[in-house]
Amino acid sequence: MRRNKTQREKDKHEIAALYCAGIIQATIAERLGLTQQTVSNDLKAIRNDWLASSLRDFDELKAEQLAKLDYVETQAHAPDPGG
């Protein structure tokens, strides 16, 4: 049976939760009425999503830290207002 996009996303959410709970692919497939290969393919996509998300989060954090460093350097090189 072919899944529509909504069903696939719902399945991926359930697969991710079960996978994180330590359930093996064959059992996940059985519980969700999917083939083991479908679960394997979805897990590959899930892992890619997790990786992309972590890279974005890292880039955002890096940009924030660089902005703070830039501010501190600017303040350190600013003329002393007291004289």
PDB file of N, CA and C in Angstrom:
ATOM      1  N   MET A   1       0.839  -1.188   0.000  1.00  0.00           N
ATOM      2  CA  MET A   1       0.000   0.000   0.000  1.00  0.00           C
ATOM      3  C   MET A   1       0.883   1.249   0.000  1.00  0.00           C
ATOM      4  N   ARG A   2       0.604   2.152  -0.889  1.00  0.00           N
ATOM      5  CA  ARG A   2       1.360   3.398  -1.006  1.00  0.00           C
ATOM      6  C   ARG A   2       0.835   4.411   0.009  1.00  0.00           C
ATOM      7  N   ARG A   3       1.760   5.044   0.727  1.00  0.00           N
ATOM      8  CA  ARG A   3       1.366   6.031   1.737  1.00  0.00           C
ATOM      9  C   ARG A   3       1.379   7.431   1.140  1.00  0.00           C
ATOM     10  N   ASN A   4       0.434   8.257   1.569  1.00  0.00           N
ATOM     11  CA  ASN A   4       0.474   9.651   1.150  1.00  0.00           C
ATOM     12  C   ASN A   4       1.454  10.391   2.061  1.00  0.00           C
ATOM     13  N   LYS A   5       1.737  11.628   1.747  1.00  0.00           N
ATOM     14  CA  LYS A   5       2.755  12.386   2.483  1.00  0.00           C
ATOM     15  C   LYS A   5       2.385  12.517   3.959  1.00  0.00           C
ATOM     16  N   THR A   6       1.124  12.771   4.239  1.00  0.00           N
ATOM     17  CA  THR A   6       0.677  12.912   5.624  1.00  0.00           C
ATOM     18  C   THR A   6       0.889  11.623   6.400  1.00  0.00           C
ATOM     19  N   GLN A   7       0.532  10.501   5.805  1.00  0.00           N
ATOM     20  CA  GLN A   7       0.694   9.213   6.483  1.00  0.00           C
ATOM     21  C   GLN A   7       2.171   8.883   6.681  1.00  0.00           C
ATOM     22  N   ARG A   8       2.989   9.204   5.676  1.00  0.00           N
ATOM     23  CA  ARG A   8       4.419   8.924   5.798  1.00  0.00           C
ATOM     24  C   ARG A   8       5.031   9.730   6.941  1.00  0.00           C
ATOM     25  N   GLU A   9       4.664  10.992   7.057  1.00  0.00           N
ATOM     26  CA  GLU A   9       5.189  11.826   8.137  1.00  0.00           C
ATOM     27  C   GLU A   9       4.714  11.316   9.500  1.00  0.00           C
ATOM     28  N   LYS A  10       3.476  10.880   9.568  1.00  0.00           N
ATOM     29  CA  LYS A  10       2.952  10.300  10.816  1.00  0.00           C
ATOM     30  C   LYS A  10       3.735   9.042  11.166  1.00  0.00           C
ATOM     31  N   ASP A  11       3.949   8.190  10.171  1.00  0.00           N
ATOM     32  CA  ASP A  11       4.718   6.962  10.384  1.00  0.00           C
ATOM     33  C   ASP A  11       6.143   7.286  10.825  1.00  0.00           C
ATOM     34  N   LYS A  12       6.774   8.271  10.188  1.00  0.00           N
ATOM     35  CA  LYS A  12       8.145   8.626  10.543  1.00  0.00           C
ATOM     36  C   LYS A  12       8.226   9.084  11.999  1.00  0.00           C
ATOM     37  N   HIS A  13       7.225   9.823  12.442  1.00  0.00           N
ATOM     38  CA  HIS A  13       7.196  10.276  13.837  1.00  0.00           C
ATOM     39  C   HIS A  13       7.115   9.073  14.780  1.00  0.00           C
ATOM     40  N   GLU A  14       6.247   8.128  14.462  1.00  0.00           N
ATOM     41  CA  GLU A  14       6.109   6.925  15.291  1.00  0.00           C
ATOM     42  C   GLU A  14       7.360   6.053  15.225  1.00  0.00           C
ATOM     43  N   ILE A  15       7.923   5.921  14.036  1.00  0.00           N
ATOM     44  CA  ILE A  15       9.144   5.125  13.862  1.00  0.00           C
ATOM     45  C   ILE A  15      10.272   5.728  14.693  1.00  0.00           C
ATOM     46  N   ALA A  16      10.427   7.046  14.643  1.00  0.00           N
ATOM     47  CA  ALA A  16      11.487   7.707  15.409  1.00  0.00           C
ATOM     48  C   ALA A  16      11.305   7.465  16.904  1.00  0.00           C
ATOM     49  N   ALA A  17      10.072   7.582  17.383  1.00  0.00           N
ATOM     50  CA  ALA A  17       9.804   7.375  18.806  1.00  0.00           C
ATOM     51  C   ALA A  17      10.115   5.944  19.215  1.00  0.00           C
ATOM     52  N   LEU A  18       9.686   4.985  18.418  1.00  0.00           N
ATOM     53  CA  LEU A  18       9.934   3.577  18.734  1.00  0.00           C
ATOM     54  C   LEU A  18      11.427   3.257  18.643  1.00  0.00           C
ATOM     55  N   TYR A  19      12.088   3.805  17.636  1.00  0.00           N
ATOM     56  CA  TYR A  19      13.528   3.592  17.463  1.00  0.00           C
ATOM     57  C   TYR A  19      14.290   4.130  18.673  1.00  0.00           C
ATOM     58  N   CYS A  20      13.926   5.319  19.123  1.00  0.00           N
ATOM     59  CA  CYS A  20      14.590   5.913  20.286  1.00  0.00           C
ATOM     60  C   CYS A  20      14.301   5.122  21.563  1.00  0.00           C
ATOM     61  N   ALA A  21      13.195   4.406  21.572  1.00  0.00           N
ATOM     62  CA  ALA A  21      12.855   3.565  22.718  1.00  0.00           C
ATOM     63  C   ALA A  21      13.583   2.223  22.667  1.00  0.00           C
ATOM     64  N   GLY A  22      14.377   2.001  21.604  1.00  0.00           N
ATOM     65  CA  GLY A  22      15.174   0.790  21.505  1.00  0.00           C
ATOM     66  C   GLY A  22      14.478  -0.379  20.820  1.00  0.00           C
ATOM     67  N   ILE A  23      13.367  -0.105  20.147  1.00  0.00           N
ATOM     68  CA  ILE A  23      12.641  -1.158  19.434  1.00  0.00           C
ATOM     69  C   ILE A  23      13.338  -1.432  18.102  1.00  0.00           C
ATOM     70  N   ILE A  24      13.506  -2.711  17.764  1.00  0.00           N
ATOM     71  CA  ILE A  24      14.188  -3.063  16.516  1.00  0.00           C
ATOM     72  C   ILE A  24      13.278  -2.846  15.308  1.00  0.00           C
ATOM     73  N   GLN A  25      13.912  -2.690  14.152  1.00  0.00           N
ATOM     74  CA  GLN A  25      13.186  -2.376  12.920  1.00  0.00           C
ATOM     75  C   GLN A  25      12.080  -3.381  12.603  1.00  0.00           C
ATOM     76  N   ALA A  26      12.363  -4.660  12.751  1.00  0.00           N
ATOM     77  CA  ALA A  26      11.366  -5.682  12.419  1.00  0.00           C
ATOM     78  C   ALA A  26      10.119  -5.536  13.292  1.00  0.00           C
ATOM     79  N   THR A  27      10.314  -5.226  14.557  1.00  0.00           N
ATOM     80  CA  THR A  27       9.184  -5.052  15.470  1.00  0.00           C
ATOM     81  C   THR A  27       8.421  -3.774  15.146  1.00  0.00           C
ATOM     82  N   ILE A  28       9.153  -2.707  14.817  1.00  0.00           N
ATOM     83  CA  ILE A  28       8.499  -1.459  14.419  1.00  0.00           C
ATOM     84  C   ILE A  28       7.633  -1.712  13.190  1.00  0.00           C
ATOM     85  N   ALA A  29       8.197  -2.408  12.211  1.00  0.00           N
ATOM     86  CA  ALA A  29       7.458  -2.714  10.989  1.00  0.00           C
ATOM     87  C   ALA A  29       6.184  -3.493  11.295  1.00  0.00           C
ATOM     88  N   GLU A  30       6.302  -4.477  12.147  1.00  0.00           N
ATOM     89  CA  GLU A  30       5.144  -5.292  12.501  1.00  0.00           C
ATOM     90  C   GLU A  30       4.074  -4.451  13.198  1.00  0.00           C
ATOM     91  N   ARG A  31       4.489  -3.614  14.129  1.00  0.00           N
ATOM     92  CA  ARG A  31       3.535  -2.769  14.874  1.00  0.00           C
ATOM     93  C   ARG A  31       2.794  -1.791  13.973  1.00  0.00           C
ATOM     94  N   LEU A  32       3.502  -1.272  12.979  1.00  0.00           N
ATOM     95  CA  LEU A  32       2.906  -0.251  12.119  1.00  0.00           C
ATOM     96  C   LEU A  32       2.329  -0.807  10.823  1.00  0.00           C
ATOM     97  N   GLY A  33       2.482  -2.097  10.619  1.00  0.00           N
ATOM     98  CA  GLY A  33       1.958  -2.709   9.401  1.00  0.00           C
ATOM     99  C   GLY A  33       2.742  -2.313   8.161  1.00  0.00           C
ATOM    100  N   LEU A  34       4.048  -2.140   8.328  1.00  0.00           N
ATOM    101  CA  LEU A  34       4.928  -1.753   7.230  1.00  0.00           C
ATOM    102  C   LEU A  34       5.936  -2.865   6.998  1.00  0.00           C
ATOM    103  N   THR A  35       6.639  -2.793   5.883  1.00  0.00           N
ATOM    104  CA  THR A  35       7.724  -3.738   5.668  1.00  0.00           C
ATOM    105  C   THR A  35       8.956  -3.248   6.425  1.00  0.00           C
ATOM    106  N   GLN A  36       9.858  -4.181   6.708  1.00  0.00           N
ATOM    107  CA  GLN A  36      11.101  -3.816   7.384  1.00  0.00           C
ATOM    108  C   GLN A  36      11.901  -2.862   6.506  1.00  0.00           C
ATOM    109  N   GLN A  37      11.862  -3.063   5.192  1.00  0.00           N
ATOM    110  CA  GLN A  37      12.588  -2.193   4.263  1.00  0.00           C
ATOM    111  C   GLN A  37      12.047  -0.760   4.317  1.00  0.00           C
ATOM    112  N   THR A  38      10.721  -0.610   4.423  1.00  0.00           N
ATOM    113  CA  THR A  38      10.120   0.718   4.533  1.00  0.00           C
ATOM    114  C   THR A  38      10.595   1.406   5.803  1.00  0.00           C
ATOM    115  N   VAL A  39      10.609   0.670   6.909  1.00  0.00           N
ATOM    116  CA  VAL A  39      11.080   1.227   8.178  1.00  0.00           C
ATOM    117  C   VAL A  39      12.555   1.626   8.044  1.00  0.00           C
ATOM    118  N   SER A  40      13.352   0.777   7.419  1.00  0.00           N
ATOM    119  CA  SER A  40      14.770   1.073   7.215  1.00  0.00           C
ATOM    120  C   SER A  40      14.949   2.349   6.395  1.00  0.00           C
ATOM    121  N   ASN A  41      14.193   2.472   5.313  1.00  0.00           N
ATOM    122  CA  ASN A  41      14.265   3.669   4.463  1.00  0.00           C
ATOM    123  C   ASN A  41      13.833   4.915   5.233  1.00  0.00           C
ATOM    124  N   ASP A  42      12.757   4.792   6.006  1.00  0.00           N
ATOM    125  CA  ASP A  42      12.284   5.930   6.790  1.00  0.00           C
ATOM    126  C   ASP A  42      13.306   6.316   7.861  1.00  0.00           C
ATOM    127  N   LEU A  43      13.937   5.327   8.486  1.00  0.00           N
ATOM    128  CA  LEU A  43      14.963   5.627   9.491  1.00  0.00           C
ATOM    129  C   LEU A  43      16.147   6.359   8.870  1.00  0.00           C
ATOM    130  N   LYS A  44      16.500   5.988   7.661  1.00  0.00           N
ATOM    131  CA  LYS A  44      17.587   6.690   6.976  1.00  0.00           C
ATOM    132  C   LYS A  44      17.213   8.159   6.784  1.00  0.00           C
ATOM    133  N   ALA A  45      15.977   8.417   6.363  1.00  0.00           N
ATOM    134  CA  ALA A  45      15.505   9.793   6.185  1.00  0.00           C
ATOM    135  C   ALA A  45      15.447  10.527   7.523  1.00  0.00           C
ATOM    136  N   ILE A  46      15.016   9.836   8.567  1.00  0.00           N
ATOM    137  CA  ILE A  46      14.937  10.424   9.906  1.00  0.00           C
ATOM    138  C   ILE A  46      16.331  10.823  10.378  1.00  0.00           C
ATOM    139  N   ARG A  47      17.296   9.934  10.217  1.00  0.00           N
ATOM    140  CA  ARG A  47      18.674  10.240  10.632  1.00  0.00           C
ATOM    141  C   ARG A  47      19.224  11.443   9.859  1.00  0.00           C
ATOM    142  N   ASN A  48      18.920  11.513   8.571  1.00  0.00           N
ATOM    143  CA  ASN A  48      19.362  12.657   7.770  1.00  0.00           C
ATOM    144  C   ASN A  48      18.731  13.951   8.281  1.00  0.00           C
ATOM    145  N   ASP A  49      17.436  13.883   8.643  1.00  0.00           N
ATOM    146  CA  ASP A  49      16.751  15.050   9.206  1.00  0.00           C
ATOM    147  C   ASP A  49      17.400  15.472  10.519  1.00  0.00           C
ATOM    148  N   TRP A  50      17.709  14.493  11.371  1.00  0.00           N
ATOM    149  CA  TRP A  50      18.355  14.795  12.651  1.00  0.00           C
ATOM    150  C   TRP A  50      19.711  15.458  12.429  1.00  0.00           C
ATOM    151  N   LEU A  51      20.476  14.935  11.489  1.00  0.00           N
ATOM    152  CA  LEU A  51      21.796  15.494  11.199  1.00  0.00           C
ATOM    153  C   LEU A  51      21.673  16.927  10.685  1.00  0.00           C
ATOM    154  N   ALA A  52      20.770  17.151   9.746  1.00  0.00           N
ATOM    155  CA  ALA A  52      20.582  18.489   9.191  1.00  0.00           C
ATOM    156  C   ALA A  52      20.153  19.462  10.284  1.00  0.00           C
ATOM    157  N   SER A  53      19.284  19.024  11.155  1.00  0.00           N
ATOM    158  CA  SER A  53      18.811  19.864  12.255  1.00  0.00           C
ATOM    159  C   SER A  53      19.952  20.217  13.203  1.00  0.00           C
ATOM    160  N   SER A  54      20.780  19.233  13.519  1.00  0.00           N
ATOM    161  CA  SER A  54      21.883  19.504  14.444  1.00  0.00           C
ATOM    162  C   SER A  54      22.901  20.448  13.815  1.00  0.00           C
ATOM    163  N   LEU A  55      23.114  20.331  12.514  1.00  0.00           N
ATOM    164  CA  LEU A  55      24.044  21.239  11.834  1.00  0.00           C
ATOM    165  C   LEU A  55      23.505  22.664  11.818  1.00  0.00           C
ATOM    166  N   ARG A  56      22.184  22.819  11.582  1.00  0.00           N
ATOM    167  CA  ARG A  56      21.573  24.146  11.622  1.00  0.00           C
ATOM    168  C   ARG A  56      21.692  24.743  13.015  1.00  0.00           C
ATOM    169  N   ASP A  57      21.394  23.935  14.044  1.00  0.00           N
ATOM    170  CA  ASP A  57      21.487  24.406  15.421  1.00  0.00           C
ATOM    171  C   ASP A  57      22.913  24.841  15.740  1.00  0.00           C
ATOM    172  N   PHE A  58      23.886  24.056  15.293  1.00  0.00           N
ATOM    173  CA  PHE A  58      25.288  24.403  15.522  1.00  0.00           C
ATOM    174  C   PHE A  58      25.643  25.714  14.832  1.00  0.00           C
ATOM    175  N   ASP A  59      25.207  25.875  13.589  1.00  0.00           N
ATOM    176  CA  ASP A  59      25.503  27.101  12.849  1.00  0.00           C
ATOM    177  C   ASP A  59      24.873  28.322  13.518  1.00  0.00           C
ATOM    178  N   GLU A  60      23.639  28.155  14.031  1.00  0.00           N
ATOM    179  CA  GLU A  60      22.985  29.260  14.724  1.00  0.00           C
ATOM    180  C   GLU A  60      23.738  29.626  15.999  1.00  0.00           C
ATOM    181  N   LEU A  61      24.145  28.625  16.753  1.00  0.00           N
ATOM    182  CA  LEU A  61      24.891  28.864  17.982  1.00  0.00           C
ATOM    183  C   LEU A  61      26.231  29.529  17.683  1.00  0.00           C
ATOM    184  N   LYS A  62      26.897  29.049  16.634  1.00  0.00           N
ATOM    185  CA  LYS A  62      28.187  29.628  16.247  1.00  0.00           C
ATOM    186  C   LYS A  62      28.002  31.101  15.862  1.00  0.00           C
ATOM    187  N   ALA A  63      26.964  31.420  15.101  1.00  0.00           N
ATOM    188  CA  ALA A  63      26.713  32.799  14.693  1.00  0.00           C
ATOM    189  C   ALA A  63      26.429  33.683  15.907  1.00  0.00           C
ATOM    190  N   GLU A  64      25.667  33.151  16.857  1.00  0.00           N
ATOM    191  CA  GLU A  64      25.360  33.903  18.072  1.00  0.00           C
ATOM    192  C   GLU A  64      26.633  34.189  18.867  1.00  0.00           C
ATOM    193  N   GLN A  65      27.489  33.181  19.022  1.00  0.00           N
ATOM    194  CA  GLN A  65      28.728  33.357  19.780  1.00  0.00           C
ATOM    195  C   GLN A  65      29.671  34.335  19.076  1.00  0.00           C
ATOM    196  N   LEU A  66      29.728  34.279  17.758  1.00  0.00           N
ATOM    197  CA  LEU A  66      30.575  35.214  17.015  1.00  0.00           C
ATOM    198  C   LEU A  66      30.061  36.646  17.149  1.00  0.00           C
ATOM    199  N   ALA A  67      28.750  36.815  17.172  1.00  0.00           N
ATOM    200  CA  ALA A  67      28.176  38.155  17.360  1.00  0.00           C
ATOM    201  C   ALA A  67      28.525  38.693  18.744  1.00  0.00           C
ATOM    202  N   LYS A  68      28.456  37.832  19.754  1.00  0.00           N
ATOM    203  CA  LYS A  68      28.827  38.257  21.112  1.00  0.00           C
ATOM    204  C   LYS A  68      30.301  38.640  21.177  1.00  0.00           C
ATOM    205  N   LEU A  69      31.144  37.837  20.549  1.00  0.00           N
ATOM    206  CA  LEU A  69      32.583  38.123  20.532  1.00  0.00           C
ATOM    207  C   LEU A  69      32.857  39.448  19.828  1.00  0.00           C
ATOM    208  N   ASP A  70      32.181  39.683  18.725  1.00  0.00           N
ATOM    209  CA  ASP A  70      32.332  40.929  17.990  1.00  0.00           C
ATOM    210  C   ASP A  70      31.941  42.115  18.872  1.00  0.00           C
ATOM    211  N   TYR A  71      30.863  41.972  19.616  1.00  0.00           N
ATOM    212  CA  TYR A  71      30.419  43.039  20.517  1.00  0.00           C
ATOM    213  C   TYR A  71      31.470  43.308  21.597  1.00  0.00           C
ATOM    214  N   VAL A  72      31.975  42.249  22.198  1.00  0.00           N
ATOM    215  CA  VAL A  72      32.981  42.405  23.255  1.00  0.00           C
ATOM    216  C   VAL A  72      34.228  43.078  22.700  1.00  0.00           C
ATOM    217  N   GLU A  73      34.672  42.678  21.525  1.00  0.00           N
ATOM    218  CA  GLU A  73      35.840  43.308  20.913  1.00  0.00           C
ATOM    219  C   GLU A  73      35.590  44.772  20.602  1.00  0.00           C
ATOM    220  N   THR A  74      34.397  45.086  20.127  1.00  0.00           N
ATOM    221  CA  THR A  74      34.051  46.474  19.841  1.00  0.00           C
ATOM    222  C   THR A  74      34.097  47.306  21.115  1.00  0.00           C
ATOM    223  N   GLN A  75      33.556  46.775  22.190  1.00  0.00           N
ATOM    224  CA  GLN A  75      33.559  47.490  23.469  1.00  0.00           C
ATOM    225  C   GLN A  75      34.979  47.646  24.005  1.00  0.00           C
ATOM    226  N   ALA A  76      35.807  46.646  23.816  1.00  0.00           N
ATOM    227  CA  ALA A  76      37.186  46.701  24.313  1.00  0.00           C
ATOM    228  C   ALA A  76      38.003  47.764  23.585  1.00  0.00           C
ATOM    229  N   HIS A  77      37.676  48.009  22.319  1.00  0.00           N
ATOM    230  CA  HIS A  77      38.435  48.977  21.524  1.00  0.00           C
ATOM    231  C   HIS A  77      37.785  50.359  21.486  1.00  0.00           C
ATOM    232  N   ALA A  78      36.673  50.507  22.139  1.00  0.00           N
ATOM    233  CA  ALA A  78      35.975  51.800  22.154  1.00  0.00           C
ATOM    234  C   ALA A  78      36.737  52.768  23.049  1.00  0.00           C
ATOM    235  N   PRO A  79      36.716  54.044  22.679  1.00  0.00           N
ATOM    236  CA  PRO A  79      37.386  55.039  23.531  1.00  0.00           C
ATOM    237  C   PRO A  79      36.718  55.070  24.908  1.00  0.00           C
ATOM    238  N   ASP A  80      37.515  55.317  25.925  1.00  0.00           N
ATOM    239  CA  ASP A  80      37.016  55.380  27.297  1.00  0.00           C
ATOM    240  C   ASP A  80      36.210  56.672  27.442  1.00  0.00           C
ATOM    241  N   PRO A  81      34.889  56.558  27.740  1.00  0.00           N
ATOM    242  CA  PRO A  81      34.067  57.768  27.835  1.00  0.00           C
ATOM    243  C   PRO A  81      34.446  58.636  29.032  1.00  0.00           C
ATOM    244  N   GLY A  82      35.175  58.090  29.998  1.00  0.00           N
ATOM    245  CA  GLY A  82      35.546  58.843  31.174  1.00  0.00           C
ATOM    246  C   GLY A  82      36.829  59.628  31.011  1.00  0.00           C
ATOM    247  N   GLY A  83      37.458  59.437  29.875  1.00  0.00           N
ATOM    248  CA  GLY A  83      38.559  60.262  29.735  1.00  0.00           C
ATOM    249  C   GLY A  83      39.820  59.829  29.210  1.00  0.00           C
TER     250      GLY A  83
END
